[in-house]
Each structure stands twice: as C-alpha cells, then as structure tokens.
Amino acid sequence: MIQAPPQHGKSELVSRRFPAYVLGNYPHLSLIACSYGASLAFDLSCDVQTIMDGEPYHRLFPTVAIPGQYAVRGSATRKIDDFGIVGHNGFYRAAGVDDAVTGKSAEILLVE
C-alpha cells in the first residue's frame, strides 16, 4: 500500500509508469488495474499505452511492444480497457467499479 498526500505522484508512479515498467521487464505477466470509476481506469490505461507506444520506451524495451507504432496486431489485441503484449502472454486490463474482471487472473492487481 502506498500512501502520500494528494498531488505527490502516486498515480503517475504506480498507475502509469509501474505497469509499463513491469510489462517491459516481464512481458509474460498479467496486470489488472481497478479504479472507482471506469473513466479513470480507461484514462490510466490510455496513459500506459501511450508510454509503451513511445520512442523512449521502445529504446528501453526493444523486444516488448503493444499493437501500434512498433507492432501490428497479431497475437495481441489493443482496446481502451484491455491490451496484450505482442508475442507474449502478458496483458493489462482496466476496470471500474461496475466492470467485471471475472475469468481473468492476474499476477499484479492495482487498485487506485
């Protein structure tokens, strides 16, 4: 559990950068990120995808890609709430309070 005052970077570090870092190092892992609202969960998912689709990320993790700038759709999907890692079994799933995550297991669960 990470606790800090408001506006001290919790979301930036834990909900945006950490998933991208983990999937860059361990593209076989699965992550589920939950939030109080679907719109926040989807916004954070888009932010993670933007990080992973960027040039700096590709230079750090050249063998890890999501469908987009550095990889085409193939063995992975890319939606606003769910994306996979091309050539690996890892994925990221975002869910709000009313969204179901049943049927999906995860090695890492993030709750915002």
PDB file of N, CA and C in Angstrom:
ATOM      1  N   MET A   1       0.847  -1.161   0.000  1.00  0.00           N
ATOM      2  CA  MET A   1       0.000   0.000   0.000  1.00  0.00           C
ATOM      3  C   MET A   1       0.902   1.236   0.000  1.00  0.00           C
ATOM      4  N   ILE A   2       0.594   2.149  -0.888  1.00  0.00           N
ATOM      5  CA  ILE A   2       1.345   3.398  -0.972  1.00  0.00           C
ATOM      6  C   ILE A   2       0.440   4.536  -0.538  1.00  0.00           C
ATOM      7  N   GLN A   3       0.900   5.294   0.427  1.00  0.00           N
ATOM      8  CA  GLN A   3       0.133   6.426   0.917  1.00  0.00           C
ATOM      9  C   GLN A   3       0.986   7.674   0.857  1.00  0.00           C
ATOM     10  N   ALA A   4       0.410   8.732   0.320  1.00  0.00           N
ATOM     11  CA  ALA A   4       1.084  10.026   0.235  1.00  0.00           C
ATOM     12  C   ALA A   4      -0.001  11.090   0.100  1.00  0.00           C
ATOM     13  N   PRO A   5       0.331  12.329   0.420  1.00  0.00           N
ATOM     14  CA  PRO A   5      -0.665  13.393   0.273  1.00  0.00           C
ATOM     15  C   PRO A   5      -1.086  13.567  -1.187  1.00  0.00           C
ATOM     16  N   PRO A   6      -2.219  14.233  -1.407  1.00  0.00           N
ATOM     17  CA  PRO A   6      -2.662  14.487  -2.781  1.00  0.00           C
ATOM     18  C   PRO A   6      -1.598  15.231  -3.583  1.00  0.00           C
ATOM     19  N   GLN A   7      -1.564  14.945  -4.879  1.00  0.00           N
ATOM     20  CA  GLN A   7      -0.671  15.600  -5.835  1.00  0.00           C
ATOM     21  C   GLN A   7       0.809  15.337  -5.570  1.00  0.00           C
ATOM     22  N   HIS A   8       1.134  14.151  -5.055  1.00  0.00           N
ATOM     23  CA  HIS A   8       2.533  13.783  -4.826  1.00  0.00           C
ATOM     24  C   HIS A   8       3.003  12.667  -5.768  1.00  0.00           C
ATOM     25  N   GLY A   9       2.255  12.403  -6.838  1.00  0.00           N
ATOM     26  CA  GLY A   9       2.712  11.492  -7.869  1.00  0.00           C
ATOM     27  C   GLY A   9       2.342  10.029  -7.723  1.00  0.00           C
ATOM     28  N   LYS A  10       1.392   9.717  -6.847  1.00  0.00           N
ATOM     29  CA  LYS A  10       1.011   8.309  -6.669  1.00  0.00           C
ATOM     30  C   LYS A  10       0.498   7.718  -7.979  1.00  0.00           C
ATOM     31  N   SER A  11      -0.430   8.383  -8.620  1.00  0.00           N
ATOM     32  CA  SER A  11      -0.992   7.851  -9.873  1.00  0.00           C
ATOM     33  C   SER A  11       0.058   7.779 -10.961  1.00  0.00           C
ATOM     34  N   GLU A  12       0.903   8.782 -11.049  1.00  0.00           N
ATOM     35  CA  GLU A  12       1.936   8.793 -12.085  1.00  0.00           C
ATOM     36  C   GLU A  12       2.888   7.613 -11.925  1.00  0.00           C
ATOM     37  N   LEU A  13       3.343   7.380 -10.710  1.00  0.00           N
ATOM     38  CA  LEU A  13       4.314   6.310 -10.474  1.00  0.00           C
ATOM     39  C   LEU A  13       3.688   4.923 -10.471  1.00  0.00           C
ATOM     40  N   VAL A  14       2.574   4.770  -9.776  1.00  0.00           N
ATOM     41  CA  VAL A  14       2.010   3.442  -9.565  1.00  0.00           C
ATOM     42  C   VAL A  14       1.051   3.022 -10.671  1.00  0.00           C
ATOM     43  N   SER A  15       0.243   3.936 -11.160  1.00  0.00           N
ATOM     44  CA  SER A  15      -0.797   3.560 -12.117  1.00  0.00           C
ATOM     45  C   SER A  15      -0.405   3.770 -13.575  1.00  0.00           C
ATOM     46  N   ARG A  16       0.619   4.575 -13.831  1.00  0.00           N
ATOM     47  CA  ARG A  16       1.046   4.813 -15.208  1.00  0.00           C
ATOM     48  C   ARG A  16       2.418   4.192 -15.488  1.00  0.00           C
ATOM     49  N   ARG A  17       3.419   4.581 -14.726  1.00  0.00           N
ATOM     50  CA  ARG A  17       4.800   4.147 -15.006  1.00  0.00           C
ATOM     51  C   ARG A  17       5.071   2.706 -14.582  1.00  0.00           C
ATOM     52  N   PHE A  18       4.579   2.305 -13.429  1.00  0.00           N
ATOM     53  CA  PHE A  18       4.842   0.959 -12.917  1.00  0.00           C
ATOM     54  C   PHE A  18       4.332  -0.140 -13.859  1.00  0.00           C
ATOM     55  N   PRO A  19       3.082  -0.077 -14.350  1.00  0.00           N
ATOM     56  CA  PRO A  19       2.644  -1.138 -15.276  1.00  0.00           C
ATOM     57  C   PRO A  19       3.507  -1.214 -16.535  1.00  0.00           C
ATOM     58  N   ALA A  20       3.870  -0.069 -17.086  1.00  0.00           N
ATOM     59  CA  ALA A  20       4.713  -0.062 -18.284  1.00  0.00           C
ATOM     60  C   ALA A  20       6.079  -0.678 -17.975  1.00  0.00           C
ATOM     61  N   TYR A  21       6.639  -0.340 -16.834  1.00  0.00           N
ATOM     62  CA  TYR A  21       7.936  -0.877 -16.423  1.00  0.00           C
ATOM     63  C   TYR A  21       7.864  -2.398 -16.225  1.00  0.00           C
ATOM     64  N   VAL A  22       6.845  -2.849 -15.522  1.00  0.00           N
ATOM     65  CA  VAL A  22       6.697  -4.282 -15.265  1.00  0.00           C
ATOM     66  C   VAL A  22       6.552  -5.053 -16.570  1.00  0.00           C
ATOM     67  N   LEU A  23       5.683  -4.573 -17.460  1.00  0.00           N
ATOM     68  CA  LEU A  23       5.480  -5.280 -18.722  1.00  0.00           C
ATOM     69  C   LEU A  23       6.715  -5.208 -19.614  1.00  0.00           C
ATOM     70  N   GLY A  24       7.512  -4.159 -19.489  1.00  0.00           N
ATOM     71  CA  GLY A  24       8.756  -4.079 -20.236  1.00  0.00           C
ATOM     72  C   GLY A  24       9.764  -5.118 -19.790  1.00  0.00           C
ATOM     73  N   ASN A  25       9.807  -5.374 -18.498  1.00  0.00           N
ATOM     74  CA  ASN A  25      10.747  -6.356 -17.948  1.00  0.00           C
ATOM     75  C   ASN A  25      10.197  -7.775 -17.911  1.00  0.00           C
ATOM     76  N   TYR A  26       8.899  -7.894 -17.749  1.00  0.00           N
ATOM     77  CA  TYR A  26       8.250  -9.205 -17.619  1.00  0.00           C
ATOM     78  C   TYR A  26       7.005  -9.246 -18.513  1.00  0.00           C
ATOM     79  N   PRO A  27       7.182  -9.330 -19.830  1.00  0.00           N
ATOM     80  CA  PRO A  27       6.040  -9.240 -20.740  1.00  0.00           C
ATOM     81  C   PRO A  27       5.078 -10.428 -20.671  1.00  0.00           C
ATOM     82  N   HIS A  28       5.408 -11.422 -19.878  1.00  0.00           N
ATOM     83  CA  HIS A  28       4.525 -12.571 -19.708  1.00  0.00           C
ATOM     84  C   HIS A  28       3.539 -12.378 -18.557  1.00  0.00           C
ATOM     85  N   LEU A  29       3.725 -11.333 -17.757  1.00  0.00           N
ATOM     86  CA  LEU A  29       2.844 -11.115 -16.608  1.00  0.00           C
ATOM     87  C   LEU A  29       1.525 -10.482 -17.024  1.00  0.00           C
ATOM     88  N   SER A  30       0.520 -10.688 -16.182  1.00  0.00           N
ATOM     89  CA  SER A  30      -0.780 -10.067 -16.410  1.00  0.00           C
ATOM     90  C   SER A  30      -1.084  -9.102 -15.269  1.00  0.00           C
ATOM     91  N   LEU A  31      -1.610  -7.939 -15.643  1.00  0.00           N
ATOM     92  CA  LEU A  31      -1.956  -6.896 -14.682  1.00  0.00           C
ATOM     93  C   LEU A  31      -3.417  -6.528 -14.826  1.00  0.00           C
ATOM     94  N   ILE A  32      -4.072  -6.317 -13.718  1.00  0.00           N
ATOM     95  CA  ILE A  32      -5.422  -5.763 -13.711  1.00  0.00           C
ATOM     96  C   ILE A  32      -5.373  -4.511 -12.853  1.00  0.00           C
ATOM     97  N   ALA A  33      -5.851  -3.406 -13.416  1.00  0.00           N
ATOM     98  CA  ALA A  33      -5.871  -2.128 -12.718  1.00  0.00           C
ATOM     99  C   ALA A  33      -7.320  -1.719 -12.501  1.00  0.00           C
ATOM    100  N   CYS A  34      -7.696  -1.559 -11.247  1.00  0.00           N
ATOM    101  CA  CYS A  34      -9.072  -1.210 -10.896  1.00  0.00           C
ATOM    102  C   CYS A  34      -9.125   0.199 -10.318  1.00  0.00           C
ATOM    103  N   SER A  35     -10.227   0.875 -10.580  1.00  0.00           N
ATOM    104  CA  SER A  35     -10.429   2.217 -10.072  1.00  0.00           C
ATOM    105  C   SER A  35     -11.883   2.370  -9.654  1.00  0.00           C
ATOM    106  N   TYR A  36     -12.182   3.440  -8.962  1.00  0.00           N
ATOM    107  CA  TYR A  36     -13.550   3.693  -8.509  1.00  0.00           C
ATOM    108  C   TYR A  36     -14.490   3.984  -9.666  1.00  0.00           C
ATOM    109  N   GLY A  37     -13.949   4.428 -10.778  1.00  0.00           N
ATOM    110  CA  GLY A  37     -14.785   4.729 -11.935  1.00  0.00           C
ATOM    111  C   GLY A  37     -14.145   4.239 -13.210  1.00  0.00           C
ATOM    112  N   ALA A  38     -14.973   3.822 -14.142  1.00  0.00           N
ATOM    113  CA  ALA A  38     -14.465   3.296 -15.406  1.00  0.00           C
ATOM    114  C   ALA A  38     -13.703   4.356 -16.188  1.00  0.00           C
ATOM    115  N   SER A  39     -14.153   5.597 -16.147  1.00  0.00           N
ATOM    116  CA  SER A  39     -13.479   6.632 -16.938  1.00  0.00           C
ATOM    117  C   SER A  39     -12.042   6.846 -16.458  1.00  0.00           C
ATOM    118  N   LEU A  40     -11.805   6.842 -15.156  1.00  0.00           N
ATOM    119  CA  LEU A  40     -10.432   6.965 -14.646  1.00  0.00           C
ATOM    120  C   LEU A  40      -9.613   5.745 -15.021  1.00  0.00           C
ATOM    121  N   ALA A  41     -10.189   4.569 -14.886  1.00  0.00           N
ATOM    122  CA  ALA A  41      -9.469   3.338 -15.241  1.00  0.00           C
ATOM    123  C   ALA A  41      -9.083   3.356 -16.717  1.00  0.00           C
ATOM    124  N   PHE A  42      -9.983   3.803 -17.577  1.00  0.00           N
ATOM    125  CA  PHE A  42      -9.696   3.850 -19.008  1.00  0.00           C
ATOM    126  C   PHE A  42      -8.675   4.932 -19.325  1.00  0.00           C
ATOM    127  N   ASP A  43      -8.744   6.066 -18.649  1.00  0.00           N
ATOM    128  CA  ASP A  43      -7.745   7.129 -18.847  1.00  0.00           C
ATOM    129  C   ASP A  43      -6.350   6.630 -18.488  1.00  0.00           C
ATOM    130  N   LEU A  44      -6.240   5.923 -17.368  1.00  0.00           N
ATOM    131  CA  LEU A  44      -4.945   5.394 -16.950  1.00  0.00           C
ATOM    132  C   LEU A  44      -4.446   4.342 -17.937  1.00  0.00           C
ATOM    133  N   SER A  45      -5.341   3.511 -18.448  1.00  0.00           N
ATOM    134  CA  SER A  45      -4.966   2.521 -19.444  1.00  0.00           C
ATOM    135  C   SER A  45      -4.430   3.202 -20.704  1.00  0.00           C
ATOM    136  N   CYS A  46      -5.091   4.256 -21.134  1.00  0.00           N
ATOM    137  CA  CYS A  46      -4.616   5.015 -22.305  1.00  0.00           C
ATOM    138  C   CYS A  46      -3.241   5.613 -22.042  1.00  0.00           C
ATOM    139  N   ASP A  47      -3.020   6.093 -20.821  1.00  0.00           N
ATOM    140  CA  ASP A  47      -1.718   6.663 -20.470  1.00  0.00           C
ATOM    141  C   ASP A  47      -0.621   5.595 -20.513  1.00  0.00           C
ATOM    142  N   VAL A  48      -0.920   4.409 -19.994  1.00  0.00           N
ATOM    143  CA  VAL A  48       0.059   3.311 -20.039  1.00  0.00           C
ATOM    144  C   VAL A  48       0.357   2.946 -21.491  1.00  0.00           C
ATOM    145  N   GLN A  49      -0.675   2.885 -22.323  1.00  0.00           N
ATOM    146  CA  GLN A  49      -0.472   2.565 -23.735  1.00  0.00           C
ATOM    147  C   GLN A  49       0.362   3.636 -24.438  1.00  0.00           C
ATOM    148  N   THR A  50       0.123   4.890 -24.117  1.00  0.00           N
ATOM    149  CA  THR A  50       0.898   5.980 -24.710  1.00  0.00           C
ATOM    150  C   THR A  50       2.369   5.864 -24.334  1.00  0.00           C
ATOM    151  N   ILE A  51       2.639   5.549 -23.072  1.00  0.00           N
ATOM    152  CA  ILE A  51       4.024   5.349 -22.629  1.00  0.00           C
ATOM    153  C   ILE A  51       4.665   4.198 -23.400  1.00  0.00           C
ATOM    154  N   MET A  52       3.947   3.081 -23.486  1.00  0.00           N
ATOM    155  CA  MET A  52       4.510   1.888 -24.124  1.00  0.00           C
ATOM    156  C   MET A  52       4.635   2.032 -25.638  1.00  0.00           C
ATOM    157  N   ASP A  53       3.916   2.967 -26.219  1.00  0.00           N
ATOM    158  CA  ASP A  53       3.970   3.173 -27.661  1.00  0.00           C
ATOM    159  C   ASP A  53       4.963   4.267 -28.048  1.00  0.00           C
ATOM    160  N   GLY A  54       5.667   4.815 -27.067  1.00  0.00           N
ATOM    161  CA  GLY A  54       6.592   5.915 -27.326  1.00  0.00           C
ATOM    162  C   GLY A  54       7.995   5.457 -27.676  1.00  0.00           C
ATOM    163  N   GLU A  55       8.727   6.343 -28.300  1.00  0.00           N
ATOM    164  CA  GLU A  55      10.119   6.077 -28.700  1.00  0.00           C
ATOM    165  C   GLU A  55      11.026   5.785 -27.501  1.00  0.00           C
ATOM    166  N   PRO A  56      10.961   6.558 -26.398  1.00  0.00           N
ATOM    167  CA  PRO A  56      11.836   6.241 -25.254  1.00  0.00           C
ATOM    168  C   PRO A  56      11.600   4.831 -24.701  1.00  0.00           C
ATOM    169  N   TYR A  57      10.330   4.422 -24.637  1.00  0.00           N
ATOM    170  CA  TYR A  57      10.015   3.083 -24.144  1.00  0.00           C
ATOM    171  C   TYR A  57      10.577   2.018 -25.084  1.00  0.00           C
ATOM    172  N   HIS A  58      10.415   2.243 -26.378  1.00  0.00           N
ATOM    173  CA  HIS A  58      10.900   1.272 -27.357  1.00  0.00           C
ATOM    174  C   HIS A  58      12.429   1.143 -27.300  1.00  0.00           C
ATOM    175  N   ARG A  59      13.118   2.241 -26.995  1.00  0.00           N
ATOM    176  CA  ARG A  59      14.574   2.157 -26.856  1.00  0.00           C
ATOM    177  C   ARG A  59      14.967   1.369 -25.610  1.00  0.00           C
ATOM    178  N   LEU A  60      14.205   1.524 -24.526  1.00  0.00           N
ATOM    179  CA  LEU A  60      14.496   0.792 -23.284  1.00  0.00           C
ATOM    180  C   LEU A  60      14.128  -0.687 -23.385  1.00  0.00           C
ATOM    181  N   PHE A  61      13.010  -0.957 -24.036  1.00  0.00           N
ATOM    182  CA  PHE A  61      12.490  -2.327 -24.127  1.00  0.00           C
ATOM    183  C   PHE A  61      12.199  -2.661 -25.593  1.00  0.00           C
ATOM    184  N   PRO A  62      13.240  -2.871 -26.405  1.00  0.00           N
ATOM    185  CA  PRO A  62      13.030  -3.057 -27.843  1.00  0.00           C
ATOM    186  C   PRO A  62      12.283  -4.335 -28.229  1.00  0.00           C
ATOM    187  N   THR A  63      12.237  -5.321 -27.352  1.00  0.00           N
ATOM    188  CA  THR A  63      11.556  -6.576 -27.689  1.00  0.00           C
ATOM    189  C   THR A  63      10.122  -6.623 -27.180  1.00  0.00           C
ATOM    190  N   VAL A  64       9.663  -5.549 -26.551  1.00  0.00           N
ATOM    191  CA  VAL A  64       8.317  -5.514 -25.992  1.00  0.00           C
ATOM    192  C   VAL A  64       7.508  -4.446 -26.709  1.00  0.00           C
ATOM    193  N   ALA A  65       6.363  -4.858 -27.245  1.00  0.00           N
ATOM    194  CA  ALA A  65       5.529  -3.905 -27.963  1.00  0.00           C
ATOM    195  C   ALA A  65       4.059  -4.280 -27.835  1.00  0.00           C
ATOM    196  N   ILE A  66       3.226  -3.265 -27.905  1.00  0.00           N
ATOM    197  CA  ILE A  66       1.791  -3.457 -27.999  1.00  0.00           C
ATOM    198  C   ILE A  66       1.402  -3.088 -29.431  1.00  0.00           C
ATOM    199  N   PRO A  67       0.258  -3.563 -29.906  1.00  0.00           N
ATOM    200  CA  PRO A  67      -0.144  -3.188 -31.259  1.00  0.00           C
ATOM    201  C   PRO A  67      -0.195  -1.663 -31.396  1.00  0.00           C
ATOM    202  N   GLY A  68       0.483  -1.134 -32.383  1.00  0.00           N
ATOM    203  CA  GLY A  68       0.538   0.312 -32.566  1.00  0.00           C
ATOM    204  C   GLY A  68       1.731   0.699 -33.399  1.00  0.00           C
ATOM    205  N   GLN A  69       2.482   1.671 -32.920  1.00  0.00           N
ATOM    206  CA  GLN A  69       3.595   2.228 -33.682  1.00  0.00           C
ATOM    207  C   GLN A  69       4.697   1.206 -33.974  1.00  0.00           C
ATOM    208  N   TYR A  70       4.994   0.335 -33.029  1.00  0.00           N
ATOM    209  CA  TYR A  70       6.113  -0.593 -33.190  1.00  0.00           C
ATOM    210  C   TYR A  70       5.695  -2.039 -33.427  1.00  0.00           C
ATOM    211  N   ALA A  71       4.426  -2.303 -33.502  1.00  0.00           N
ATOM    212  CA  ALA A  71       3.961  -3.669 -33.754  1.00  0.00           C
ATOM    213  C   ALA A  71       2.559  -3.631 -34.352  1.00  0.00           C
ATOM    214  N   VAL A  72       2.298  -4.568 -35.223  1.00  0.00           N
ATOM    215  CA  VAL A  72       0.967  -4.683 -35.801  1.00  0.00           C
ATOM    216  C   VAL A  72       0.171  -5.697 -34.988  1.00  0.00           C
ATOM    217  N   ARG A  73      -1.116  -5.656 -35.184  1.00  0.00           N
ATOM    218  CA  ARG A  73      -1.948  -6.654 -34.494  1.00  0.00           C
ATOM    219  C   ARG A  73      -1.534  -8.042 -34.950  1.00  0.00           C
ATOM    220  N   GLY A  74      -1.529  -8.926 -34.040  1.00  0.00           N
ATOM    221  CA  GLY A  74      -1.150 -10.299 -34.350  1.00  0.00           C
ATOM    222  C   GLY A  74      -1.617 -11.166 -33.213  1.00  0.00           C
ATOM    223  N   SER A  75      -0.704 -11.491 -32.360  1.00  0.00           N
ATOM    224  CA  SER A  75      -1.056 -12.328 -31.217  1.00  0.00           C
ATOM    225  C   SER A  75      -1.584 -11.506 -30.053  1.00  0.00           C
ATOM    226  N   ALA A  76      -1.736 -10.199 -30.244  1.00  0.00           N
ATOM    227  CA  ALA A  76      -2.194  -9.340 -29.152  1.00  0.00           C
ATOM    228  C   ALA A  76      -3.297  -8.404 -29.640  1.00  0.00           C
ATOM    229  N   THR A  77      -4.156  -8.007 -28.722  1.00  0.00           N
ATOM    230  CA  THR A  77      -5.218  -7.059 -29.033  1.00  0.00           C
ATOM    231  C   THR A  77      -4.906  -5.724 -28.358  1.00  0.00           C
ATOM    232  N   ARG A  78      -5.606  -4.689 -28.801  1.00  0.00           N
ATOM    233  CA  ARG A  78      -5.457  -3.385 -28.166  1.00  0.00           C
ATOM    234  C   ARG A  78      -6.797  -2.667 -28.191  1.00  0.00           C
ATOM    235  N   LYS A  79      -7.339  -2.494 -26.992  1.00  0.00           N
ATOM    236  CA  LYS A  79      -8.573  -1.735 -26.810  1.00  0.00           C
ATOM    237  C   LYS A  79      -8.322  -0.736 -25.686  1.00  0.00           C
ATOM    238  N   ILE A  80      -9.273   0.122 -25.459  1.00  0.00           N
ATOM    239  CA  ILE A  80      -9.086   1.140 -24.427  1.00  0.00           C
ATOM    240  C   ILE A  80      -8.944   0.515 -23.039  1.00  0.00           C
ATOM    241  N   ASP A  81      -9.613  -0.586 -22.799  1.00  0.00           N
ATOM    242  CA  ASP A  81      -9.612  -1.178 -21.462  1.00  0.00           C
ATOM    243  C   ASP A  81      -8.776  -2.449 -21.350  1.00  0.00           C
ATOM    244  N   ASP A  82      -8.176  -2.889 -22.442  1.00  0.00           N
ATOM    245  CA  ASP A  82      -7.503  -4.178 -22.424  1.00  0.00           C
ATOM    246  C   ASP A  82      -6.494  -4.217 -23.565  1.00  0.00           C
ATOM    247  N   PHE A  83      -5.256  -4.537 -23.264  1.00  0.00           N
ATOM    248  CA  PHE A  83      -4.274  -4.711 -24.335  1.00  0.00           C
ATOM    249  C   PHE A  83      -3.293  -5.797 -23.961  1.00  0.00           C
ATOM    250  N   GLY A  84      -2.765  -6.431 -24.998  1.00  0.00           N
ATOM    251  CA  GLY A  84      -1.809  -7.515 -24.805  1.00  0.00           C
ATOM    252  C   GLY A  84      -0.444  -7.136 -25.334  1.00  0.00           C
ATOM    253  N   ILE A  85       0.523  -7.934 -24.988  1.00  0.00           N
ATOM    254  CA  ILE A  85       1.901  -7.736 -25.427  1.00  0.00           C
ATOM    255  C   ILE A  85       2.147  -8.662 -26.616  1.00  0.00           C
ATOM    256  N   VAL A  86       2.569  -8.104 -27.724  1.00  0.00           N
ATOM    257  CA  VAL A  86       2.782  -8.875 -28.946  1.00  0.00           C
ATOM    258  C   VAL A  86       3.869  -9.926 -28.714  1.00  0.00           C
ATOM    259  N   GLY A  87       3.538 -11.175 -29.048  1.00  0.00           N
ATOM    260  CA  GLY A  87       4.493 -12.269 -28.925  1.00  0.00           C
ATOM    261  C   GLY A  87       4.653 -12.821 -27.519  1.00  0.00           C
ATOM    262  N   HIS A  88       3.869 -12.313 -26.583  1.00  0.00           N
ATOM    263  CA  HIS A  88       3.937 -12.773 -25.189  1.00  0.00           C
ATOM    264  C   HIS A  88       2.522 -12.980 -24.666  1.00  0.00           C
ATOM    265  N   ASN A  89       2.416 -13.615 -23.522  1.00  0.00           N
ATOM    266  CA  ASN A  89       1.104 -13.863 -22.927  1.00  0.00           C
ATOM    267  C   ASN A  89       0.642 -12.763 -21.984  1.00  0.00           C
ATOM    268  N   GLY A  90       1.463 -11.780 -21.725  1.00  0.00           N
ATOM    269  CA  GLY A  90       1.105 -10.730 -20.780  1.00  0.00           C
ATOM    270  C   GLY A  90       0.012  -9.820 -21.301  1.00  0.00           C
ATOM    271  N   PHE A  91      -0.706  -9.220 -20.364  1.00  0.00           N
ATOM    272  CA  PHE A  91      -1.746  -8.269 -20.733  1.00  0.00           C
ATOM    273  C   PHE A  91      -2.001  -7.286 -19.599  1.00  0.00           C
ATOM    274  N   TYR A  92      -2.718  -6.227 -19.938  1.00  0.00           N
ATOM    275  CA  TYR A  92      -3.151  -5.206 -18.984  1.00  0.00           C
ATOM    276  C   TYR A  92      -4.646  -5.059 -19.163  1.00  0.00           C
ATOM    277  N   ARG A  93      -5.380  -5.072 -18.069  1.00  0.00           N
ATOM    278  CA  ARG A  93      -6.840  -4.922 -18.105  1.00  0.00           C
ATOM    279  C   ARG A  93      -7.228  -3.839 -17.135  1.00  0.00           C
ATOM    280  N   ALA A  94      -8.039  -2.882 -17.572  1.00  0.00           N
ATOM    281  CA  ALA A  94      -8.531  -1.805 -16.720  1.00  0.00           C
ATOM    282  C   ALA A  94     -10.002  -2.043 -16.424  1.00  0.00           C
ATOM    283  N   ALA A  95     -10.407  -1.745 -15.188  1.00  0.00           N
ATOM    284  CA  ALA A  95     -11.800  -1.959 -14.809  1.00  0.00           C
ATOM    285  C   ALA A  95     -12.239  -0.939 -13.768  1.00  0.00           C
ATOM    286  N   GLY A  96     -13.462  -0.480 -13.909  1.00  0.00           N
ATOM    287  CA  GLY A  96     -14.083   0.385 -12.916  1.00  0.00           C
ATOM    288  C   GLY A  96     -14.936  -0.450 -11.977  1.00  0.00           C
ATOM    289  N   VAL A  97     -15.648   0.215 -11.085  1.00  0.00           N
ATOM    290  CA  VAL A  97     -16.454  -0.480 -10.089  1.00  0.00           C
ATOM    291  C   VAL A  97     -17.497  -1.387 -10.733  1.00  0.00           C
ATOM    292  N   ASP A  98     -18.138  -0.940 -11.792  1.00  0.00           N
ATOM    293  CA  ASP A  98     -19.199  -1.722 -12.424  1.00  0.00           C
ATOM    294  C   ASP A  98     -18.701  -2.710 -13.461  1.00  0.00           C
ATOM    295  N   ASP A  99     -17.406  -2.724 -13.738  1.00  0.00           N
ATOM    296  CA  ASP A  99     -16.847  -3.635 -14.733  1.00  0.00           C
ATOM    297  C   ASP A  99     -16.476  -4.960 -14.084  1.00  0.00           C
ATOM    298  N   ALA A 100     -16.624  -6.010 -14.848  1.00  0.00           N
ATOM    299  CA  ALA A 100     -16.292  -7.342 -14.334  1.00  0.00           C
ATOM    300  C   ALA A 100     -14.885  -7.738 -14.755  1.00  0.00           C
ATOM    301  N   VAL A 101     -14.177  -8.365 -13.862  1.00  0.00           N
ATOM    302  CA  VAL A 101     -12.866  -8.924 -14.181  1.00  0.00           C
ATOM    303  C   VAL A 101     -12.861 -10.432 -13.927  1.00  0.00           C
ATOM    304  N   THR A 102     -14.048 -10.985 -13.800  1.00  0.00           N
ATOM    305  CA  THR A 102     -14.120 -12.425 -13.590  1.00  0.00           C
ATOM    306  C   THR A 102     -13.628 -13.137 -14.841  1.00  0.00           C
ATOM    307  N   GLY A 103     -12.994 -14.257 -14.625  1.00  0.00           N
ATOM    308  CA  GLY A 103     -12.461 -15.028 -15.734  1.00  0.00           C
ATOM    309  C   GLY A 103     -11.058 -14.620 -16.136  1.00  0.00           C
ATOM    310  N   LYS A 104     -10.542 -13.556 -15.582  1.00  0.00           N
ATOM    311  CA  LYS A 104      -9.177 -13.105 -15.869  1.00  0.00           C
ATOM    312  C   LYS A 104      -8.370 -13.192 -14.583  1.00  0.00           C
ATOM    313  N   SER A 105      -7.279 -13.883 -14.627  1.00  0.00           N
ATOM    314  CA  SER A 105      -6.396 -13.903 -13.465  1.00  0.00           C
ATOM    315  C   SER A 105      -5.276 -12.909 -13.699  1.00  0.00           C
ATOM    316  N   ALA A 106      -4.625 -12.506 -12.625  1.00  0.00           N
ATOM    317  CA  ALA A 106      -3.536 -11.538 -12.742  1.00  0.00           C
ATOM    318  C   ALA A 106      -2.484 -11.805 -11.685  1.00  0.00           C
ATOM    319  N   GLU A 107      -1.239 -11.621 -12.079  1.00  0.00           N
ATOM    320  CA  GLU A 107      -0.156 -11.695 -11.102  1.00  0.00           C
ATOM    321  C   GLU A 107      -0.054 -10.407 -10.303  1.00  0.00           C
ATOM    322  N   ILE A 108      -0.462  -9.283 -10.919  1.00  0.00           N
ATOM    323  CA  ILE A 108      -0.414  -7.993 -10.231  1.00  0.00           C
ATOM    324  C   ILE A 108      -1.772  -7.324 -10.334  1.00  0.00           C
ATOM    325  N   LEU A 109      -2.277  -6.908  -9.203  1.00  0.00           N
ATOM    326  CA  LEU A 109      -3.552  -6.193  -9.123  1.00  0.00           C
ATOM    327  C   LEU A 109      -3.282  -4.811  -8.552  1.00  0.00           C
ATOM    328  N   LEU A 110      -3.663  -3.785  -9.304  1.00  0.00           N
ATOM    329  CA  LEU A 110      -3.514  -2.399  -8.853  1.00  0.00           C
ATOM    330  C   LEU A 110      -4.893  -1.830  -8.544  1.00  0.00           C
ATOM    331  N   VAL A 111      -5.032  -1.210  -7.386  1.00  0.00           N
ATOM    332  CA  VAL A 111      -6.299  -0.593  -7.007  1.00  0.00           C
ATOM    333  C   VAL A 111      -6.029   0.857  -6.740  1.00  0.00           C
ATOM    334  N   GLU A 112      -6.668   1.730  -7.505  1.00  0.00           N
ATOM    335  CA  GLU A 112      -6.480   3.178  -7.365  1.00  0.00           C
ATOM    336  C   GLU A 112      -7.623   3.746  -6.556  1.00  0.00           C
TER     337      GLU A 112
END
